[in-house]
Amino acid sequence: MEKIRVLVVDDSIVVRRVVTEALEALGDIAIVGSASNGRVALSKMSQLTPDLVILDIEMPEMDGLTALTHLRQAHPRTPVIMFSSLTELGAQATLEALSRGASDFFAKPSGGGGLEASRRLIQAELAPAIRALCPRPAARPETAVVAVPAPAAPTTACRVDAIAIAASTGGPNALAEVFAALPADLPVPILIVQHMPPMFTQMLAERLAKHSKIPTVEAASGMLLEPGRAWIAPGNHHLVVARNGPRVVARVHQDLPENACRPSADPLLRSVAGLYGRHALAVVLTGMGRDGLRGCEAIRAAGGQVLAQDEASSVVWGMPGFVARAGLADQVLPLSLLAGALVRRVKVGRE
């Protein structure tokens, strides 16, 4: 199998060495070059022709954001994974990088466990993202579904009382595009699970609120769900909905991860299915893995509706691909049409 060719760009020689050793030890990834800043990286792109670039943000001479802008102009189809620190500044810069066209981001190991712990973390978290963004014909775990049943019959459209959205790789930009097209008078609440660590989810909520008509916040237990507003699961916490007398509120908790994720979409979707039943609408956007598959099964079993993003507009057609191939989606749509589909379905029973 042809190896995935990667260029590592970081001003730290230690980081470059650890990333190189960790990834090349796996056998299917080759580090074809390294660079200490964005300017050097740009000069090496045509010569090395990497399949993917790992790009630091803070570097001398040319930082990662500037380099990314040039990379997107000269090499628009080359996936770029940003290297970011778990700080407020790092979270803001990472979201800016995603909005400029970065494919995904990876939180740098803290170094507290030593070099060996950092290598294991890189192999466990960064390597799967690289494989998902650069799939090889012999290994397509994100789109392979075993024993796919026949497509389910579309659900009977009825009034939608809540929307639950699941997203991962490529999700921040997908969410931004969907939210920008939603009206301020949307008559239902929106619950979101985006796979991100703490602090990043808060920054994402602030960014969505700033650039859309939908007030969006990071969820906390006890928050009352109201129409036309959105809540994002906080990093490292699951988000569910619960009834508090006649009202519906958000609950966050730290039960065990599901699908190796916390937050995970499945707990949210199960709780939405249990509380809203056939009045629930689930939306599965671009993302790596199969999180959301079981939750969508619960939504459909309760009589609710499911929409999935199509492969062509997804950064990684993992999460929506599993849902679509399992016959759970009422519609599989390009990202540009999802907001319109949401609005039309929400209008049913209210006109």
Protein backbone atom coordinates (compact mmCIF):
# COMPACT_ATOMS: atom_id res chain seq x y z
CA MET A 1 0.00 0.00 0.00
CA GLU A 2 1.31 3.43 -0.94
CA LYS A 3 2.34 5.42 2.12
CA ILE A 4 0.79 8.78 2.99
CA ARG A 5 3.38 11.51 2.38
CA VAL A 6 3.45 14.15 5.14
CA LEU A 7 5.29 17.43 5.57
CA VAL A 8 5.81 18.53 9.21
CA VAL A 9 6.08 22.28 9.84
CA ASP A 10 7.03 23.38 13.36
CA ASP A 11 9.71 25.67 14.75
CA SER A 12 10.55 23.17 17.51
CA ILE A 13 13.08 20.54 16.47
CA VAL A 14 11.86 18.36 19.35
CA VAL A 15 8.27 18.46 18.09
CA ARG A 16 9.38 17.68 14.54
CA ARG A 17 11.40 14.71 15.75
CA VAL A 18 8.67 13.29 18.00
CA VAL A 19 6.01 13.62 15.30
CA THR A 20 8.31 12.03 12.71
CA GLU A 21 9.27 9.09 14.93
CA ALA A 22 5.71 8.44 16.09
CA LEU A 23 4.13 8.51 12.64
CA GLU A 24 6.82 6.66 10.69
CA ALA A 25 6.76 3.83 13.26
CA LEU A 26 3.22 3.02 12.09
CA GLY A 27 4.40 1.92 8.66
CA ASP A 28 1.75 3.54 6.46
CA ILE A 29 2.85 7.18 6.90
CA ALA A 30 6.09 8.66 5.53
CA ILE A 31 7.48 12.02 6.65
CA VAL A 32 8.86 13.34 3.37
CA GLY A 33 10.20 16.56 4.82
CA SER A 34 10.12 19.12 7.61
CA ALA A 35 10.30 22.89 7.92
CA SER A 36 10.92 25.30 10.76
CA ASN A 37 8.49 27.98 9.54
CA GLY A 38 5.83 28.67 6.95
CA ARG A 39 8.15 30.31 4.44
CA VAL A 40 10.42 27.27 4.27
CA ALA A 41 7.40 24.99 4.04
CA LEU A 42 5.97 26.86 1.05
CA SER A 43 9.31 26.62 -0.76
CA LYS A 44 9.31 22.83 -0.29
CA MET A 45 5.73 22.07 -1.38
CA SER A 46 6.31 21.71 -5.13
CA GLN A 47 9.47 19.66 -4.65
CA LEU A 48 8.08 17.28 -2.01
CA THR A 49 4.44 17.08 -3.18
CA PRO A 50 3.14 15.90 0.21
CA ASP A 51 -0.32 14.38 0.55
CA LEU A 52 -0.86 16.31 3.80
CA VAL A 53 0.74 19.11 5.83
CA ILE A 54 0.97 19.29 9.63
CA LEU A 55 1.28 22.99 10.42
CA ASP A 56 2.21 24.76 13.65
CA ILE A 57 0.58 28.11 14.35
CA GLU A 58 3.20 30.18 16.20
CA MET A 59 6.45 30.27 14.18
CA PRO A 60 9.08 32.90 13.29
CA GLU A 61 9.33 34.61 9.86
CA MET A 62 5.96 33.25 8.69
CA ASP A 63 3.35 31.95 11.13
CA GLY A 64 0.93 29.14 10.46
CA LEU A 65 -2.09 31.30 9.62
CA THR A 66 -0.17 33.24 6.97
CA ALA A 67 1.33 30.04 5.58
CA LEU A 68 -2.10 28.43 5.47
CA THR A 69 -3.49 31.29 3.42
CA HIS A 70 -0.69 30.83 0.83
CA LEU A 71 -1.06 27.05 0.92
CA ARG A 72 -4.75 27.26 0.16
CA GLN A 73 -4.05 29.52 -2.82
CA ALA A 74 -1.25 27.41 -4.31
CA HIS A 75 -2.36 23.92 -3.18
CA PRO A 76 -6.11 24.11 -2.52
CA ARG A 77 -6.67 20.35 -2.39
CA THR A 78 -3.85 19.42 0.02
CA PRO A 79 -5.26 18.66 3.50
CA VAL A 80 -3.73 20.69 6.33
CA ILE A 81 -3.87 19.71 10.01
CA MET A 82 -3.10 22.54 12.43
CA PHE A 83 -0.96 21.96 15.51
CA SER A 84 -2.44 23.95 18.40
CA SER A 85 -1.87 24.41 22.11
CA LEU A 86 -4.74 24.07 24.57
CA THR A 87 -4.86 27.75 25.45
CA GLU A 88 -7.43 30.46 24.81
CA LEU A 89 -5.11 32.10 22.28
CA GLY A 90 -4.46 28.73 20.66
CA ALA A 91 -8.18 27.99 20.43
CA GLN A 92 -8.92 31.33 18.76
CA ALA A 93 -6.08 30.88 16.28
CA THR A 94 -7.18 27.33 15.51
CA LEU A 95 -10.76 28.38 14.74
CA GLU A 96 -9.38 31.13 12.53
CA ALA A 97 -7.26 28.52 10.74
CA LEU A 98 -10.28 26.28 10.23
CA SER A 99 -12.20 29.22 8.76
CA ARG A 100 -9.27 29.81 6.37
CA GLY A 101 -9.45 26.27 5.07
CA ALA A 102 -7.56 24.01 7.48
CA SER A 103 -8.93 20.48 7.34
CA ASP A 104 -8.58 19.60 11.03
CA PHE A 105 -6.59 20.43 14.13
CA PHE A 106 -4.62 18.47 16.69
CA ALA A 107 -3.95 19.63 20.23
CA LYS A 108 -0.24 19.34 20.94
CA PRO A 109 0.67 16.89 23.70
CA SER A 110 1.38 18.76 26.92
CA GLY A 111 4.61 16.90 27.47
CA GLY A 112 3.70 16.04 31.04
CA GLY A 113 4.01 12.32 30.39
CA GLY A 114 7.34 12.53 28.59
CA LEU A 115 8.30 11.87 24.99
CA GLU A 116 6.99 8.31 24.92
CA ALA A 117 3.54 9.43 26.10
CA SER A 118 3.56 12.12 23.42
CA ARG A 119 4.39 9.53 20.75
CA ARG A 120 1.52 7.31 21.87
CA LEU A 121 -0.89 10.25 21.83
CA ILE A 122 0.21 11.24 18.32
CA GLN A 123 -0.29 7.67 17.10
CA ALA A 124 -3.68 7.37 18.78
CA GLU A 125 -5.14 10.74 17.73
CA LEU A 126 -3.17 12.37 14.92
CA ALA A 127 -2.58 9.26 12.80
CA PRO A 128 -6.31 8.37 12.41
CA ALA A 129 -7.01 11.94 11.27
CA ILE A 130 -4.25 11.71 8.67
CA ARG A 131 -5.63 8.41 7.36
CA ALA A 132 -9.17 9.79 7.20
CA LEU A 133 -8.06 12.85 5.23
CA CYS A 134 -5.82 10.81 2.89
CA PRO A 135 -7.61 7.47 2.44
CA ARG A 136 -5.84 4.74 0.49
CA PRO A 137 -7.78 2.22 -1.65
CA ALA A 138 -6.81 -0.69 0.61
CA ALA A 139 -7.92 1.05 3.81
CA ARG A 140 -11.14 3.07 3.90
CA PRO A 141 -12.45 2.50 7.44
CA GLU A 142 -14.53 5.67 7.46
CA THR A 143 -16.76 4.67 4.54
CA ALA A 144 -16.84 0.89 4.88
CA VAL A 145 -20.08 -0.36 6.40
CA VAL A 146 -20.67 -4.06 6.90
CA ALA A 147 -24.07 -5.68 6.26
CA VAL A 148 -25.83 -2.51 5.14
CA PRO A 149 -29.63 -2.90 5.31
CA ALA A 150 -31.92 -1.66 2.59
CA PRO A 151 -32.68 2.09 2.86
CA ALA A 152 -35.48 2.78 5.29
CA ALA A 153 -38.68 4.36 4.04
CA PRO A 154 -38.76 8.12 4.65
CA THR A 155 -40.45 9.13 7.87
CA THR A 156 -43.80 10.89 7.69
CA ALA A 157 -43.08 14.59 8.02
CA CYS A 158 -44.57 16.11 11.15
CA ARG A 159 -43.88 19.11 13.36
CA VAL A 160 -40.23 19.44 14.43
CA ASP A 161 -39.72 20.63 18.01
CA ALA A 162 -35.93 20.26 18.35
CA ILE A 163 -32.87 19.95 16.10
CA ALA A 164 -29.79 17.98 17.17
CA ILE A 165 -26.58 18.36 15.13
CA ALA A 166 -23.53 16.08 15.19
CA ALA A 167 -20.18 17.06 13.65
CA SER A 168 -16.47 16.37 13.86
CA THR A 169 -13.69 16.90 11.29
CA GLY A 170 -14.68 19.89 9.15
CA GLY A 171 -17.58 20.62 11.48
CA PRO A 172 -16.78 24.19 12.55
CA ASN A 173 -16.91 25.47 8.98
CA ALA A 174 -19.94 23.34 8.15
CA LEU A 175 -21.76 24.67 11.21
CA ALA A 176 -20.81 28.24 10.30
CA GLU A 177 -22.28 27.84 6.81
CA VAL A 178 -25.50 26.28 8.07
CA PHE A 179 -25.97 28.81 10.87
CA ALA A 180 -25.33 31.79 8.59
CA ALA A 181 -28.38 30.77 6.56
CA LEU A 182 -30.79 30.19 9.46
CA PRO A 183 -33.41 32.84 10.30
CA ALA A 184 -33.56 34.59 13.65
CA ASP A 185 -37.15 33.43 14.20
CA LEU A 186 -36.38 29.71 13.96
CA PRO A 187 -39.12 28.27 16.21
CA VAL A 188 -37.09 25.40 17.72
CA PRO A 189 -33.94 24.97 19.85
CA ILE A 190 -30.72 23.55 18.39
CA LEU A 191 -28.39 21.18 20.30
CA ILE A 192 -24.88 20.59 18.95
CA VAL A 193 -22.13 18.07 19.55
CA GLN A 194 -18.87 19.08 17.85
CA HIS A 195 -15.85 16.96 18.73
CA MET A 196 -13.53 19.49 20.35
CA PRO A 197 -11.59 19.81 23.60
CA PRO A 198 -12.48 22.26 26.40
CA MET A 199 -12.15 25.96 25.59
CA PHE A 200 -12.39 25.29 21.86
CA THR A 201 -16.14 24.65 22.19
CA GLN A 202 -16.63 27.95 24.01
CA MET A 203 -14.73 29.79 21.26
CA LEU A 204 -16.79 28.00 18.61
CA ALA A 205 -20.04 29.02 20.31
CA GLU A 206 -18.90 32.63 20.41
CA ARG A 207 -17.90 32.53 16.74
CA LEU A 208 -21.23 31.05 15.63
CA ALA A 209 -23.15 33.63 17.67
CA LYS A 210 -21.10 36.47 16.18
CA HIS A 211 -21.58 35.42 12.57
CA SER A 212 -25.20 34.24 12.59
CA LYS A 213 -28.64 35.28 13.79
CA ILE A 214 -28.82 32.38 16.24
CA PRO A 215 -27.65 33.15 19.80
CA THR A 216 -25.27 30.29 20.62
CA VAL A 217 -23.61 29.38 23.92
CA GLU A 218 -21.67 26.55 25.47
CA ALA A 219 -24.20 24.42 27.34
CA ALA A 220 -24.38 24.08 31.11
CA SER A 221 -26.74 22.00 33.23
CA GLY A 222 -30.08 23.67 33.92
CA MET A 223 -30.10 25.96 30.89
CA LEU A 224 -33.67 26.32 29.62
CA LEU A 225 -34.07 25.36 25.96
CA GLU A 226 -35.74 28.11 23.97
CA PRO A 227 -36.68 28.51 20.29
CA GLY A 228 -34.18 30.20 17.99
CA ARG A 229 -31.18 29.52 20.24
CA ALA A 230 -28.38 26.95 20.17
CA TRP A 231 -26.29 25.10 22.75
CA ILE A 232 -22.95 23.39 22.14
CA ALA A 233 -21.74 20.48 24.26
CA PRO A 234 -18.72 21.66 26.27
CA GLY A 235 -15.44 19.91 25.62
CA ASN A 236 -14.96 16.75 27.70
CA HIS A 237 -18.68 16.66 28.62
CA HIS A 238 -21.65 14.88 27.13
CA LEU A 239 -24.77 16.95 26.45
CA VAL A 240 -28.30 15.58 26.91
CA VAL A 241 -31.78 17.04 27.30
CA ALA A 242 -34.14 16.45 30.20
CA ARG A 243 -37.59 17.53 31.32
CA ASN A 244 -37.89 19.84 34.32
CA GLY A 245 -41.62 20.08 34.96
CA PRO A 246 -43.20 21.56 31.83
CA ARG A 247 -39.84 22.85 30.58
CA VAL A 248 -36.93 21.17 28.78
CA VAL A 249 -33.41 21.88 30.02
CA ALA A 250 -29.86 20.97 29.07
CA ARG A 251 -27.79 18.61 31.18
CA VAL A 252 -24.05 18.05 30.88
CA HIS A 253 -22.16 15.20 32.49
CA GLN A 254 -18.90 13.27 32.32
CA ASP A 255 -20.04 9.69 31.92
CA LEU A 256 -17.65 7.41 30.07
CA PRO A 257 -16.72 8.39 26.49
CA GLU A 258 -18.69 6.77 23.70
CA ASN A 259 -17.10 6.00 20.35
CA ALA A 260 -13.88 7.22 22.00
CA CYS A 261 -15.48 10.67 22.21
CA ARG A 262 -16.60 13.03 24.96
CA PRO A 263 -18.68 14.86 23.96
CA SER A 264 -20.30 12.16 21.87
CA ALA A 265 -23.27 12.63 19.58
CA ASP A 266 -24.95 9.35 20.53
CA PRO A 267 -25.95 10.34 24.11
CA LEU A 268 -27.45 13.60 22.81
CA LEU A 269 -29.36 11.92 20.01
CA ARG A 270 -30.70 9.20 22.30
CA SER A 271 -31.94 11.75 24.81
CA VAL A 272 -33.53 13.89 22.08
CA ALA A 273 -35.23 10.80 20.65
CA GLY A 274 -36.51 9.83 24.10
CA LEU A 275 -37.88 13.27 24.92
CA TYR A 276 -39.09 14.59 21.55
CA GLY A 277 -39.89 11.32 19.76
CA ARG A 278 -41.24 11.87 16.26
CA HIS A 279 -40.83 15.61 16.71
CA ALA A 280 -37.00 15.32 16.67
CA LEU A 281 -34.77 16.17 13.72
CA ALA A 282 -31.15 14.99 13.65
CA VAL A 283 -28.49 16.39 11.32
CA VAL A 284 -25.16 14.61 10.83
CA LEU A 285 -22.41 16.75 9.33
CA THR A 286 -18.89 15.99 8.15
CA GLY A 287 -16.74 14.07 10.60
CA MET A 288 -14.39 11.17 11.22
CA GLY A 289 -15.69 7.97 12.79
CA ARG A 290 -19.18 6.59 13.31
CA ASP A 291 -20.37 8.68 16.26
CA GLY A 292 -24.05 9.46 15.75
CA LEU A 293 -24.93 6.20 14.01
CA ARG A 294 -26.59 4.59 17.05
CA GLY A 295 -28.18 7.88 18.01
CA CYS A 296 -29.74 8.22 14.56
CA GLU A 297 -31.07 4.69 14.91
CA ALA A 298 -32.83 5.89 18.07
CA ILE A 299 -34.17 8.98 16.30
CA ARG A 300 -35.61 6.90 13.46
CA ALA A 301 -37.01 4.28 15.86
CA ALA A 302 -38.86 7.08 17.67
CA GLY A 303 -40.32 8.31 14.38
CA GLY A 304 -38.03 11.33 14.02
CA GLN A 305 -36.22 12.61 10.94
CA VAL A 306 -32.55 12.46 9.93
CA LEU A 307 -30.55 14.53 7.46
CA ALA A 308 -26.96 13.78 6.46
CA GLN A 309 -24.33 15.81 4.64
CA ASP A 310 -23.25 14.31 1.32
CA GLU A 311 -19.80 12.95 0.53
CA ALA A 312 -18.79 15.59 -1.99
CA SER A 313 -19.19 18.50 0.45
CA SER A 314 -17.78 16.67 3.51
CA VAL A 315 -14.17 17.02 4.61
CA VAL A 316 -14.44 13.42 5.84
CA TRP A 317 -17.51 11.33 4.98
CA GLY A 318 -17.29 9.19 8.08
CA MET A 319 -20.13 10.12 10.42
CA PRO A 320 -22.69 11.10 7.74
CA GLY A 321 -21.48 8.24 5.54
CA PHE A 322 -22.26 5.61 8.14
CA VAL A 323 -25.71 7.09 8.70
CA ALA A 324 -26.46 7.36 4.98
CA ARG A 325 -25.19 3.88 4.12
CA ALA A 326 -27.21 2.40 6.96
CA GLY A 327 -30.39 3.75 5.34
CA LEU A 328 -31.17 6.06 8.26
CA ALA A 329 -31.18 9.40 6.43
CA ASP A 330 -34.38 10.88 5.05
CA GLN A 331 -32.19 13.00 2.79
CA VAL A 332 -28.46 13.16 1.98
CA LEU A 333 -27.72 16.72 0.92
CA PRO A 334 -24.79 18.97 0.03
CA LEU A 335 -23.86 21.40 2.77
CA SER A 336 -25.20 24.36 0.79
CA LEU A 337 -28.74 22.90 0.86
CA LEU A 338 -28.92 21.76 4.49
CA ALA A 339 -30.04 25.05 6.05
CA GLY A 340 -32.88 25.37 3.56
CA ALA A 341 -33.95 21.80 4.22
CA LEU A 342 -33.95 22.46 7.97
CA VAL A 343 -36.10 25.56 7.61
CA ARG A 344 -38.59 23.80 5.32
CA ARG A 345 -38.97 20.83 7.67
CA VAL A 346 -39.40 23.09 10.71
CA LYS A 347 -42.22 24.92 8.92
CA VAL A 348 -44.24 21.71 8.55
CA GLY A 349 -47.17 21.82 10.99
CA ARG A 350 -46.65 25.52 11.71
CA GLU A 351 -47.94 27.12 8.52
